[in-house]
Amino acid sequence: MIRLRWGVQLAMLALFLALAAVAAWPLKSPIIPSAWLVADPLVALVAIASAKAVWELAAWALVLVAATMLVGRFFCGWACPLGTTLDLGDRYLWRRRASSIDDEIRPRGRWKHYVLAVILASAVFGVSTGLAFDPLVLMTRTVETVLVPFVSWLGLGSVRAARLLPGHAALSVPALETPVVYGWMTATTLILLGIIFLGRVERRFWCRNLCPLGALLGWMSRTGLVKRHVEGDCTSCGRCARGCPMGAIPAKDFVATHRGECVLCLNCREVCRAGTVRFGPNGARPAPGFVPDRRQALAAIGAGIGVGLLGAGSVRARPRPGNIIRPPGALPEDEFLSRCTRCMACAQACPTNGLQALGLEAGWEALWTPVLLPVRGGCEAPCWNCTQVCPTGAIRKLTHEEKSFAKIGTARVFRERCLAWEQVKACLVCDEVCPYDAIDFLTITDYRGTQRRPVVHAEKCVGCGICEHECPVREPRAIVVEHYGEERLRSGSYITPAKRQMRVVGDDRGVDYLREQRESAPAPPSDGAGAGVASPPEEEPLPPGFIVK
């Protein structure tokens, strides 16, 4: 049975890693990389409490809830990827140290219940930042933003390699040409390493003392039918208590079990030399578990309410910086922050590496939420992966066509940095790379001279950021995308008749772009000194972005 449990644990960990590996463009897997989070009861509970009207999110989570209430807290001992990682650390780093034996649950074993209370209480006020420390969210974020880039750096193959979709051209910025890096990689790595090295203090320190999902499943598992019980005469040798990684067996009564702490790992059955330990429906008497008194419960709930009020007030009071651009299909900011799990599955699904983890620029309430950084990569027209992988609907599921209509911002030209405006140079890069034909060049004469200069059409621009990424002017760029004019819809379509009027069907890349017929546009004047810019001769091909005067 122990070998069976290890086999199941390793298989679940391999499945977890495999789902992260399939988050490449185009997304062809029928199972989304964040499927584990869809079945996470804590994620569903926080989303329901914060978003107030998303009961459908609990559908898959109810399966795990029902299984836990029927069987017990098996998920932590058999399927949790973080728990498996900690077991591997205990096995190979700390050489299977024996657990300490306590008569009752230690005071630090109660911390996870306080953490759970704070997370749930603050979620009522729309603050879901605590989900960043859900074990499945934490593991997903670490794998997506640390492990996958590390594998790519080693040259073992990129799981983000850009591939061709039928009828679509390749991405303009192939993933293999851009190093995969994410913001807050160091912090994410140190958090996981810290959790692993806490095992030096106590086996499964995180699971026993800090895990909020474990606390929730512990409360649900007290009705489980599979229970530990002792048959025959117990010799009171204490090997079962020392072998239990969760401290679920009290020292003075080896027959009893703390039901909420037992993860059905079967270690006590393995180490029992008398062979008296069994698991089945006829369990022995339960040991008294942790039940908070009134003062403890009020303190934890009060702390959660305080965190929720502070977070909600800060979100409403603090203006969002203009360079914080959310992915296409993102809900309005308040609801987006309340639903986002901070798992960063959308970032791994982005083939250009443009989606990044937000730091503290918008406050701690928005920490680890996705933001588009065009300097790293733009939002490519052939891709709509990020709208398909969100486990809580913080990013709406959009079709490919509707995603191309979702406006996430507007480009802005800084004339004092633009080569065409400031230095009167013939640079056309932003116009050439814009897939939506949102940039026009007007012949303008001023004290600097006469030159064709870029002007952004706000009604055509969707804020994809490709122009910013490709701008030849280095930091800061001469054209920058800001969230001005963004569309954040809770429901309904992004496609309107006015937008369709600008749509040209049958583009050669297989995507409907907001592109007008350039052939119908009047040619710039070419007579007179400096009156315009002549077209280059066909026999002299030009480098991208430049023309001949």
Protein backbone atom coordinates (compact mmCIF):
# COMPACT_ATOMS: atom_id res chain seq x y z
CA MET A 1 0.00 0.00 0.00
CA ILE A 2 2.88 2.37 0.69
CA ARG A 3 4.32 1.64 -2.76
CA LEU A 4 0.87 2.19 -4.23
CA ARG A 5 0.59 5.55 -2.47
CA TRP A 6 4.01 6.64 -3.72
CA GLY A 7 3.05 5.58 -7.23
CA VAL A 8 -0.16 7.61 -7.08
CA GLN A 9 1.66 10.61 -5.63
CA LEU A 10 4.34 10.61 -8.32
CA ALA A 11 1.73 10.08 -11.05
CA MET A 12 -0.29 13.06 -9.78
CA LEU A 13 2.85 15.21 -9.64
CA ALA A 14 3.78 14.15 -13.19
CA LEU A 15 0.26 15.01 -14.39
CA PHE A 16 0.50 18.40 -12.70
CA LEU A 17 3.80 19.14 -14.46
CA ALA A 18 2.49 17.81 -17.78
CA LEU A 19 -0.48 20.16 -17.70
CA ALA A 20 1.92 23.08 -17.23
CA ALA A 21 3.97 21.87 -20.20
CA VAL A 22 1.02 21.86 -22.59
CA ALA A 23 0.33 25.56 -22.03
CA ALA A 24 2.04 26.48 -25.30
CA TRP A 25 0.57 28.24 -28.28
CA PRO A 26 -1.59 26.94 -29.86
CA LEU A 27 -3.43 25.47 -26.90
CA LYS A 28 -4.61 22.07 -28.13
CA SER A 29 -4.98 20.18 -24.86
CA PRO A 30 -8.62 19.46 -23.90
CA ILE A 31 -7.56 19.87 -20.24
CA ILE A 32 -6.47 23.38 -19.33
CA PRO A 33 -3.22 23.80 -17.36
CA SER A 34 -5.13 25.21 -14.39
CA ALA A 35 -7.51 22.23 -14.16
CA TRP A 36 -6.26 21.48 -10.64
CA LEU A 37 -7.44 24.89 -9.49
CA VAL A 38 -10.93 24.30 -10.90
CA ALA A 39 -11.30 21.45 -8.37
CA ASP A 40 -9.79 23.42 -5.47
CA PRO A 41 -12.48 24.00 -2.80
CA LEU A 42 -10.64 26.97 -1.30
CA VAL A 43 -10.39 28.71 -4.69
CA ALA A 44 -14.09 28.10 -5.32
CA LEU A 45 -15.08 29.28 -1.85
CA VAL A 46 -13.05 32.49 -2.10
CA ALA A 47 -14.38 33.18 -5.60
CA ILE A 48 -17.95 32.70 -4.43
CA ALA A 49 -17.45 34.92 -1.38
CA SER A 50 -15.68 37.70 -3.29
CA ALA A 51 -17.54 37.67 -6.62
CA LYS A 52 -20.92 36.95 -5.01
CA ALA A 53 -22.51 35.34 -8.09
CA VAL A 54 -20.32 32.56 -9.42
CA TRP A 55 -21.81 29.41 -7.96
CA GLU A 56 -20.90 27.55 -11.12
CA LEU A 57 -17.27 27.72 -10.00
CA ALA A 58 -18.06 25.24 -7.23
CA ALA A 59 -19.20 22.45 -9.56
CA TRP A 60 -15.89 20.60 -9.85
CA ALA A 61 -14.79 21.57 -6.35
CA LEU A 62 -17.87 19.83 -4.96
CA VAL A 63 -16.45 16.54 -6.24
CA LEU A 64 -13.39 16.88 -3.99
CA VAL A 65 -15.54 18.15 -1.13
CA ALA A 66 -17.85 15.13 -1.38
CA ALA A 67 -14.91 12.71 -1.64
CA THR A 68 -13.24 14.28 1.40
CA MET A 69 -16.39 14.11 3.48
CA LEU A 70 -16.93 10.49 2.42
CA VAL A 71 -13.36 9.13 2.60
CA GLY A 72 -11.27 11.58 4.60
CA ARG A 73 -8.40 14.00 4.01
CA PHE A 74 -6.85 11.76 1.35
CA PHE A 75 -6.00 14.58 -1.07
CA CYS A 76 -3.15 15.89 1.08
CA GLY A 77 -1.55 12.46 1.41
CA TRP A 78 -2.16 11.06 -2.07
CA ALA A 79 -2.66 13.78 -4.68
CA CYS A 80 -1.41 17.23 -3.59
CA PRO A 81 1.65 18.15 -5.69
CA LEU A 82 3.08 20.35 -2.94
CA GLY A 83 2.60 17.59 -0.39
CA THR A 84 4.44 15.16 -2.67
CA THR A 85 7.27 17.66 -3.06
CA LEU A 86 7.54 17.96 0.72
CA ASP A 87 7.50 14.17 1.11
CA LEU A 88 10.36 13.90 -1.39
CA GLY A 89 12.26 16.51 0.59
CA ASP A 90 11.66 14.67 3.85
CA ARG A 91 12.74 11.42 2.25
CA TYR A 92 15.91 12.53 0.49
CA LEU A 93 16.99 15.77 2.17
CA TRP A 94 16.31 15.04 5.82
CA ARG A 95 16.63 11.23 5.68
CA ARG A 96 13.13 10.35 6.96
CA ARG A 97 13.48 11.94 10.37
CA ALA A 98 11.04 10.73 12.99
CA SER A 99 8.24 13.10 13.93
CA SER A 100 7.95 14.52 17.39
CA ILE A 101 5.27 13.04 19.65
CA ASP A 102 2.82 15.40 21.33
CA ASP A 103 -0.11 14.81 23.59
CA GLU A 104 -2.14 17.33 21.66
CA ILE A 105 -1.84 19.55 18.61
CA ARG A 106 0.89 22.13 19.08
CA PRO A 107 -0.04 25.83 19.15
CA ARG A 108 1.61 26.36 15.77
CA GLY A 109 -0.61 23.61 14.37
CA ARG A 110 -3.49 26.04 14.83
CA TRP A 111 -1.95 28.69 12.60
CA LYS A 112 -3.42 27.21 9.43
CA HIS A 113 -6.92 27.65 10.82
CA TYR A 114 -6.24 31.31 11.52
CA VAL A 115 -4.82 31.73 7.99
CA LEU A 116 -7.96 30.12 6.56
CA ALA A 117 -10.22 32.41 8.60
CA VAL A 118 -8.36 35.52 7.45
CA ILE A 119 -8.51 34.45 3.79
CA LEU A 120 -12.27 33.72 3.91
CA ALA A 121 -13.17 36.81 5.92
CA SER A 122 -11.20 39.15 3.65
CA ALA A 123 -12.75 37.49 0.56
CA VAL A 124 -16.17 38.75 1.64
CA PHE A 125 -14.86 42.26 0.93
CA GLY A 126 -13.53 41.28 -2.50
CA VAL A 127 -9.88 40.77 -1.48
CA SER A 128 -8.55 37.43 -2.73
CA THR A 129 -4.81 38.10 -2.36
CA GLY A 130 -4.61 35.32 0.23
CA LEU A 131 -5.18 32.78 -2.53
CA ALA A 132 -1.56 33.35 -3.52
CA PHE A 133 -0.71 30.99 -0.63
CA ASP A 134 -3.13 28.24 -1.56
CA PRO A 135 -0.84 25.21 -2.13
CA LEU A 136 -2.17 24.47 -5.62
CA VAL A 137 -1.95 28.13 -6.64
CA LEU A 138 1.54 28.37 -5.18
CA MET A 139 2.73 25.27 -7.04
CA THR A 140 1.09 26.36 -10.30
CA ARG A 141 2.71 29.79 -10.13
CA THR A 142 6.11 28.30 -9.30
CA VAL A 143 6.01 25.77 -12.11
CA GLU A 144 4.73 28.25 -14.68
CA THR A 145 7.07 31.13 -13.87
CA VAL A 146 10.19 29.37 -12.53
CA LEU A 147 10.46 25.72 -13.54
CA VAL A 148 9.36 26.07 -17.18
CA PRO A 149 11.75 28.99 -17.88
CA PHE A 150 14.55 27.08 -16.14
CA VAL A 151 13.98 24.06 -18.40
CA SER A 152 14.01 26.35 -21.44
CA TRP A 153 17.27 27.96 -20.32
CA LEU A 154 18.88 24.54 -20.03
CA GLY A 155 18.17 23.97 -23.71
CA LEU A 156 16.09 20.89 -22.99
CA GLY A 157 13.35 22.11 -25.27
CA SER A 158 10.91 24.97 -25.00
CA VAL A 159 7.35 24.10 -24.11
CA ARG A 160 6.42 27.55 -25.42
CA ALA A 161 7.69 27.02 -28.97
CA ALA A 162 5.57 28.91 -31.49
CA ARG A 163 3.84 26.56 -33.87
CA LEU A 164 1.67 27.22 -36.90
CA LEU A 165 -2.07 27.02 -36.78
CA PRO A 166 -3.86 26.05 -39.99
CA GLY A 167 -4.44 29.24 -41.94
CA HIS A 168 -2.47 31.39 -39.53
CA ALA A 169 1.01 32.75 -39.91
CA ALA A 170 3.67 32.28 -37.25
CA LEU A 171 3.92 34.78 -34.47
CA SER A 172 5.93 37.86 -35.31
CA VAL A 173 8.02 37.32 -32.17
CA PRO A 174 8.73 33.56 -31.98
CA ALA A 175 9.04 32.28 -28.44
CA LEU A 176 12.40 30.65 -29.10
CA GLU A 177 13.97 34.01 -29.97
CA THR A 178 13.02 35.62 -26.67
CA PRO A 179 14.40 34.40 -23.31
CA VAL A 180 11.62 33.36 -20.98
CA VAL A 181 11.74 35.54 -17.87
CA TYR A 182 9.12 36.64 -15.39
CA GLY A 183 8.95 39.29 -12.75
CA TRP A 184 9.14 38.17 -9.11
CA MET A 185 10.85 34.91 -10.11
CA THR A 186 13.26 35.23 -7.17
CA ALA A 187 10.49 35.81 -4.64
CA THR A 188 8.46 32.90 -6.02
CA THR A 189 11.46 30.58 -5.86
CA LEU A 190 12.42 31.62 -2.33
CA ILE A 191 8.89 31.02 -1.07
CA LEU A 192 8.86 27.42 -2.32
CA LEU A 193 12.40 26.76 -1.10
CA GLY A 194 11.47 28.20 2.27
CA ILE A 195 8.50 25.86 2.51
CA ILE A 196 10.70 22.88 1.61
CA PHE A 197 13.44 23.81 4.09
CA LEU A 198 10.90 24.24 6.88
CA GLY A 199 10.83 20.46 6.74
CA ARG A 200 14.13 20.61 8.60
CA VAL A 201 12.22 21.95 11.59
CA GLU A 202 9.34 19.50 11.38
CA ARG A 203 8.14 16.97 8.83
CA ARG A 204 5.56 18.52 6.52
CA PHE A 205 5.79 21.77 8.47
CA TRP A 206 3.71 23.60 5.85
CA CYS A 207 0.93 21.00 5.82
CA ARG A 208 0.79 20.72 9.60
CA ASN A 209 0.95 24.39 10.49
CA LEU A 210 0.31 26.80 7.60
CA CYS A 211 -1.66 25.30 4.70
CA PRO A 212 -5.11 26.95 4.42
CA LEU A 213 -6.43 24.30 2.01
CA GLY A 214 -5.30 21.60 4.44
CA ALA A 215 -7.20 23.33 7.24
CA LEU A 216 -10.36 23.46 5.10
CA LEU A 217 -10.09 19.82 4.08
CA GLY A 218 -9.35 18.91 7.70
CA TRP A 219 -12.69 20.30 8.82
CA MET A 220 -14.48 18.48 6.01
CA SER A 221 -12.72 15.17 6.66
CA ARG A 222 -14.07 14.71 10.18
CA THR A 223 -17.06 12.84 8.72
CA GLY A 224 -14.88 10.52 6.60
CA LEU A 225 -15.61 6.80 6.69
CA VAL A 226 -12.02 5.59 6.27
CA LYS A 227 -10.52 5.76 9.74
CA ARG A 228 -7.44 4.50 11.49
CA HIS A 229 -8.05 1.91 14.16
CA VAL A 230 -5.95 -0.53 16.19
CA GLU A 231 -6.79 -4.22 16.43
CA GLY A 232 -5.55 -6.54 19.14
CA ASP A 233 -3.13 -5.51 21.82
CA CYS A 234 -1.15 -2.33 21.18
CA THR A 235 2.34 -2.53 22.67
CA SER A 236 2.49 1.29 23.02
CA CYS A 237 5.89 1.36 21.36
CA GLY A 238 5.15 4.75 19.84
CA ARG A 239 6.51 3.90 16.39
CA CYS A 240 3.22 4.86 14.76
CA ALA A 241 3.25 8.31 16.36
CA ARG A 242 6.88 8.92 15.44
CA GLY A 243 6.23 7.78 11.85
CA CYS A 244 3.18 10.01 11.34
CA PRO A 245 4.23 13.07 9.27
CA MET A 246 1.20 15.06 10.40
CA GLY A 247 1.30 14.51 14.18
CA ALA A 248 -2.16 12.98 14.04
CA ILE A 249 -1.49 10.35 16.76
CA PRO A 250 -1.31 11.65 20.36
CA ALA A 251 1.49 10.46 22.62
CA LYS A 252 -0.54 9.16 25.55
CA ASP A 253 -3.15 7.33 23.50
CA PHE A 254 -1.74 5.62 20.40
CA VAL A 255 -5.15 4.15 19.64
CA ALA A 256 -6.79 7.54 19.12
CA THR A 257 -6.38 9.81 16.07
CA HIS A 258 -6.77 13.51 15.38
CA ARG A 259 -9.24 13.04 12.52
CA GLY A 260 -8.70 16.45 10.93
CA GLU A 261 -4.92 15.92 10.78
CA CYS A 262 -4.81 12.37 9.37
CA VAL A 263 -4.05 12.35 5.61
CA LEU A 264 -4.42 8.55 5.23
CA CYS A 265 -0.75 8.19 4.27
CA LEU A 266 -0.61 4.69 5.91
CA ASN A 267 2.84 5.33 7.41
CA CYS A 268 1.62 4.22 10.83
CA ARG A 269 0.48 0.93 9.32
CA GLU A 270 3.88 0.42 7.70
CA VAL A 271 5.98 0.99 10.82
CA CYS A 272 3.78 -0.98 13.22
CA ARG A 273 5.74 -4.14 14.05
CA ALA A 274 2.77 -5.76 15.78
CA GLY A 275 0.62 -5.35 12.68
CA THR A 276 -2.32 -4.04 14.65
CA VAL A 277 -3.01 -0.84 12.68
CA ARG A 278 -5.83 -1.02 10.13
CA PHE A 279 -7.81 1.47 8.06
CA GLY A 280 -11.52 1.01 7.49
CA PRO A 281 -15.00 2.21 8.43
CA ASN A 282 -14.73 0.94 12.02
CA GLY A 283 -12.41 3.55 13.43
CA ALA A 284 -11.14 3.95 16.95
CA ARG A 285 -12.20 6.82 19.13
CA PRO A 286 -11.12 10.22 17.75
CA ALA A 287 -8.71 12.39 19.69
CA PRO A 288 -9.97 15.86 20.48
CA GLY A 289 -9.11 18.09 17.54
CA PHE A 290 -8.59 21.80 17.48
CA VAL A 291 -11.75 23.82 17.99
CA PRO A 292 -11.13 27.57 18.41
CA ASP A 293 -12.69 29.25 21.37
CA ARG A 294 -14.71 32.42 21.04
CA ARG A 295 -11.74 34.75 21.52
CA GLN A 296 -9.61 32.96 18.94
CA ALA A 297 -12.44 32.83 16.39
CA LEU A 298 -13.29 36.51 16.83
CA ALA A 299 -9.62 37.51 16.57
CA ALA A 300 -9.12 35.59 13.33
CA ILE A 301 -12.36 36.84 11.77
CA GLY A 302 -11.61 40.40 12.91
CA ALA A 303 -8.17 40.23 11.32
CA GLY A 304 -9.73 39.01 8.07
CA ILE A 305 -12.31 41.79 8.11
CA GLY A 306 -9.57 44.34 8.73
CA VAL A 307 -7.50 43.00 5.83
CA GLY A 308 -10.57 43.00 3.61
CA LEU A 309 -11.57 46.56 4.45
CA LEU A 310 -8.04 47.87 4.00
CA GLY A 311 -7.60 46.04 0.70
CA ALA A 312 -10.99 47.02 -0.71
CA GLY A 313 -10.51 50.64 0.33
CA SER A 314 -7.05 50.80 -1.17
CA VAL A 315 -8.25 49.39 -4.50
CA ARG A 316 -10.98 52.01 -4.77
CA ALA A 317 -8.86 54.92 -3.55
CA ARG A 318 -5.64 54.28 -5.45
CA PRO A 319 -5.72 55.15 -9.18
CA ARG A 320 -4.36 52.39 -11.36
CA PRO A 321 -1.15 53.41 -13.15
CA GLY A 322 -1.63 53.85 -16.88
CA ASN A 323 0.95 51.22 -17.82
CA ILE A 324 -0.92 48.40 -16.04
CA ILE A 325 -2.66 46.67 -18.93
CA ARG A 326 -4.80 43.63 -18.24
CA PRO A 327 -5.19 40.68 -20.65
CA PRO A 328 -8.00 40.76 -23.23
CA GLY A 329 -11.29 39.63 -21.73
CA ALA A 330 -10.35 40.66 -18.19
CA LEU A 331 -13.31 41.59 -16.01
CA PRO A 332 -13.66 45.11 -14.56
CA GLU A 333 -10.79 45.77 -12.18
CA ASP A 334 -12.57 45.26 -8.85
CA GLU A 335 -14.10 41.96 -9.91
CA PHE A 336 -10.92 40.92 -11.69
CA LEU A 337 -8.90 41.32 -8.50
CA SER A 338 -11.49 39.44 -6.47
CA ARG A 339 -11.55 36.47 -8.84
CA CYS A 340 -7.89 36.22 -9.86
CA THR A 341 -6.11 33.34 -8.10
CA ARG A 342 -2.57 34.67 -8.83
CA CYS A 343 -1.70 31.29 -10.40
CA MET A 344 -0.13 32.91 -13.52
CA ALA A 345 -1.37 30.12 -15.79
CA CYS A 346 -2.31 32.83 -18.30
CA ALA A 347 1.29 34.07 -18.32
CA GLN A 348 2.62 30.63 -19.22
CA ALA A 349 0.00 30.35 -21.96
CA CYS A 350 1.23 33.60 -23.53
CA PRO A 351 3.71 32.70 -26.31
CA THR A 352 5.41 36.10 -26.44
CA ASN A 353 6.21 36.26 -22.71
CA GLY A 354 4.31 39.55 -22.62
CA LEU A 355 2.06 38.61 -19.68
CA GLN A 356 3.98 39.11 -16.46
CA ALA A 357 3.33 39.00 -12.71
CA LEU A 358 2.52 42.43 -11.30
CA GLY A 359 4.52 43.58 -8.31
CA LEU A 360 3.53 46.26 -5.83
CA GLU A 361 3.00 49.01 -8.41
CA ALA A 362 -0.76 48.89 -7.84
CA GLY A 363 -0.59 47.92 -4.15
CA TRP A 364 -0.38 44.60 -2.34
CA GLU A 365 -3.98 43.81 -3.30
CA ALA A 366 -2.91 43.31 -6.93
CA LEU A 367 0.27 41.35 -6.20
CA TRP A 368 0.96 38.48 -8.64
CA THR A 369 -1.93 39.41 -10.95
CA PRO A 370 -1.22 39.29 -14.71
CA VAL A 371 -0.26 42.43 -16.58
CA LEU A 372 0.83 42.91 -20.19
CA LEU A 373 4.35 44.31 -20.58
CA PRO A 374 4.75 45.10 -24.29
CA VAL A 375 8.49 45.60 -23.81
CA ARG A 376 8.69 41.84 -23.18
CA GLY A 377 6.18 40.92 -25.88
CA GLY A 378 2.95 42.12 -27.43
CA CYS A 379 -0.46 40.48 -27.56
CA GLU A 380 -0.29 38.65 -30.88
CA ALA A 381 -3.40 38.53 -33.05
CA PRO A 382 -3.27 34.77 -33.84
CA CYS A 383 -3.24 33.85 -30.12
CA TRP A 384 -6.06 33.80 -27.61
CA ASN A 385 -4.63 31.32 -25.09
CA CYS A 386 -4.95 33.51 -22.01
CA THR A 387 -8.72 33.68 -22.43
CA GLN A 388 -8.98 29.88 -22.24
CA VAL A 389 -6.97 28.90 -19.15
CA CYS A 390 -8.32 31.05 -16.29
CA PRO A 391 -9.85 28.74 -13.64
CA THR A 392 -12.21 31.31 -12.10
CA GLY A 393 -13.34 33.41 -15.06
CA ALA A 394 -11.30 36.48 -14.05
CA ILE A 395 -10.41 36.44 -17.75
CA ARG A 396 -13.49 35.61 -19.80
CA LYS A 397 -13.39 32.76 -22.29
CA LEU A 398 -13.49 34.46 -25.69
CA THR A 399 -13.54 33.14 -29.20
CA HIS A 400 -10.64 33.98 -31.46
CA GLU A 401 -12.68 36.56 -33.37
CA GLU A 402 -14.06 38.25 -30.25
CA LYS A 403 -10.61 38.43 -28.66
CA SER A 404 -9.38 40.51 -31.61
CA PHE A 405 -12.14 43.07 -30.84
CA ALA A 406 -11.37 43.30 -27.11
CA LYS A 407 -9.66 46.64 -26.54
CA ILE A 408 -7.14 46.52 -23.67
CA GLY A 409 -5.58 49.96 -24.16
CA THR A 410 -4.44 52.61 -26.60
CA ALA A 411 -1.01 53.39 -28.00
CA ARG A 412 0.44 56.85 -27.44
CA VAL A 413 3.30 58.46 -29.37
CA PHE A 414 5.78 60.49 -27.34
CA ARG A 415 6.91 63.02 -29.92
CA GLU A 416 10.00 64.12 -28.02
CA ARG A 417 11.39 60.58 -28.32
CA CYS A 418 10.05 59.57 -31.74
CA LEU A 419 12.63 59.48 -34.54
CA ALA A 420 10.14 60.77 -37.09
CA TRP A 421 8.83 63.59 -34.91
CA GLU A 422 11.96 64.75 -33.11
CA GLN A 423 14.81 63.86 -35.45
CA VAL A 424 12.95 64.02 -38.80
CA LYS A 425 14.01 60.47 -39.70
CA ALA A 426 12.03 58.21 -41.99
CA CYS A 427 11.02 55.48 -39.53
CA LEU A 428 7.87 53.45 -40.23
CA VAL A 429 8.34 50.54 -37.82
CA CYS A 430 5.23 51.07 -35.71
CA ASP A 431 3.00 51.29 -38.79
CA GLU A 432 4.51 48.23 -40.44
CA VAL A 433 4.11 45.95 -37.43
CA CYS A 434 0.61 47.08 -36.39
CA PRO A 435 -1.79 44.24 -37.29
CA TYR A 436 -4.84 46.47 -36.91
CA ASP A 437 -3.76 49.37 -39.15
CA ALA A 438 -4.21 51.76 -36.24
CA ILE A 439 -1.23 54.00 -37.13
CA ASP A 440 -1.17 56.45 -40.03
CA PHE A 441 1.69 58.64 -41.24
CA LEU A 442 0.84 62.26 -42.01
CA THR A 443 3.13 64.63 -43.86
CA ILE A 444 3.74 67.44 -41.39
CA THR A 445 5.95 70.52 -41.72
CA ASP A 446 7.20 72.37 -38.67
CA TYR A 447 10.36 74.12 -37.51
CA ARG A 448 12.22 70.80 -37.68
CA GLY A 449 11.39 70.19 -41.32
CA THR A 450 8.95 68.15 -43.36
CA GLN A 451 8.48 64.47 -42.68
CA ARG A 452 5.85 61.75 -42.50
CA ARG A 453 5.05 61.30 -38.82
CA PRO A 454 3.02 58.66 -36.96
CA VAL A 455 -0.43 59.35 -35.56
CA VAL A 456 -2.47 56.75 -33.62
CA HIS A 457 -6.15 56.20 -34.43
CA ALA A 458 -7.61 55.46 -31.00
CA GLU A 459 -10.78 53.89 -32.43
CA LYS A 460 -8.75 51.28 -34.32
CA CYS A 461 -6.05 50.59 -31.73
CA VAL A 462 -6.76 47.64 -29.42
CA GLY A 463 -3.62 48.11 -27.28
CA CYS A 464 -1.85 44.94 -28.35
CA GLY A 465 1.54 46.57 -27.70
CA ILE A 466 3.36 45.12 -30.71
CA CYS A 467 4.29 48.65 -31.82
CA GLU A 468 5.85 49.33 -28.41
CA HIS A 469 7.78 46.06 -28.49
CA GLU A 470 9.20 46.71 -31.96
CA CYS A 471 9.94 50.43 -31.55
CA PRO A 472 13.64 51.01 -32.42
CA VAL A 473 13.94 53.61 -29.65
CA ARG A 474 15.09 51.84 -26.53
CA GLU A 475 14.00 52.57 -23.00
CA PRO A 476 11.86 54.51 -22.73
CA ARG A 477 10.04 53.65 -25.96
CA ALA A 478 8.77 56.35 -28.29
CA ILE A 479 5.34 54.70 -28.52
CA VAL A 480 3.77 53.31 -25.35
CA VAL A 481 0.49 51.53 -24.67
CA GLU A 482 -1.63 52.69 -21.74
CA HIS A 483 -4.94 51.33 -20.50
CA TYR A 484 -6.78 54.44 -21.68
CA GLY A 485 -9.96 53.43 -23.56
CA GLU A 486 -9.87 49.79 -22.38
CA GLU A 487 -13.06 47.72 -22.52
CA ARG A 488 -13.77 45.50 -19.50
CA LEU A 489 -17.12 43.73 -19.89
CA ARG A 490 -18.69 41.37 -17.38
CA SER A 491 -20.92 39.93 -20.08
CA GLY A 492 -21.94 40.57 -23.64
CA SER A 493 -19.94 40.75 -26.82
CA TYR A 494 -16.98 42.94 -27.65
CA ILE A 495 -18.08 42.94 -31.28
CA THR A 496 -20.23 45.91 -32.29
CA PRO A 497 -21.56 47.01 -35.70
CA ALA A 498 -19.29 50.07 -35.62
CA LYS A 499 -16.24 47.86 -35.18
CA ARG A 500 -17.38 45.49 -37.90
CA GLN A 501 -17.51 48.36 -40.37
CA MET A 502 -13.75 48.67 -40.04
CA ARG A 503 -13.20 44.95 -40.41
CA VAL A 504 -11.67 43.50 -43.57
CA VAL A 505 -12.39 39.85 -44.14
CA GLY A 506 -9.92 37.44 -45.69
CA ASP A 507 -6.57 38.69 -44.48
CA ASP A 508 -3.66 36.64 -45.78
CA ARG A 509 -2.70 35.61 -42.23
CA GLY A 510 -6.07 34.06 -41.63
CA VAL A 511 -7.09 36.62 -38.99
CA ASP A 512 -9.62 39.44 -39.32
CA TYR A 513 -7.66 42.58 -38.66
CA LEU A 514 -8.94 46.14 -38.33
CA ARG A 515 -7.31 47.10 -41.62
CA GLU A 516 -8.53 49.49 -44.35
CA GLN A 517 -7.48 49.26 -47.97
CA ARG A 518 -4.21 51.13 -48.21
CA GLU A 519 -4.53 51.22 -51.97
CA SER A 520 -7.52 53.56 -51.64
CA ALA A 521 -5.64 56.04 -49.46
CA PRO A 522 -4.32 59.15 -51.25
CA ALA A 523 -0.59 59.09 -51.95
CA PRO A 524 1.53 61.70 -50.15
CA PRO A 525 2.56 64.70 -52.25
CA SER A 526 5.92 64.28 -53.94
CA ASP A 527 6.40 67.58 -55.80
CA GLY A 528 8.23 70.51 -54.35
CA ALA A 529 11.25 70.62 -52.09
CA GLY A 530 10.56 68.69 -48.95
CA ALA A 531 6.82 68.48 -49.73
CA GLY A 532 6.69 64.73 -49.29
CA VAL A 533 8.51 61.45 -49.42
CA ALA A 534 8.74 59.55 -52.67
CA SER A 535 8.09 55.82 -52.82
CA PRO A 536 11.23 53.70 -53.09
CA PRO A 537 12.00 52.04 -56.40
CA GLU A 538 11.01 48.40 -56.56
CA GLU A 539 14.51 47.29 -57.54
CA GLU A 540 15.94 48.60 -54.26
CA PRO A 541 14.49 46.59 -51.38
CA LEU A 542 14.58 48.42 -48.08
CA PRO A 543 15.27 47.21 -44.55
CA PRO A 544 12.12 46.93 -42.43
CA GLY A 545 10.83 50.24 -41.13
CA PHE A 546 12.70 52.64 -43.43
CA ILE A 547 12.08 54.37 -46.74
CA VAL A 548 14.23 56.34 -49.16
CA LYS A 549 13.80 60.14 -49.30
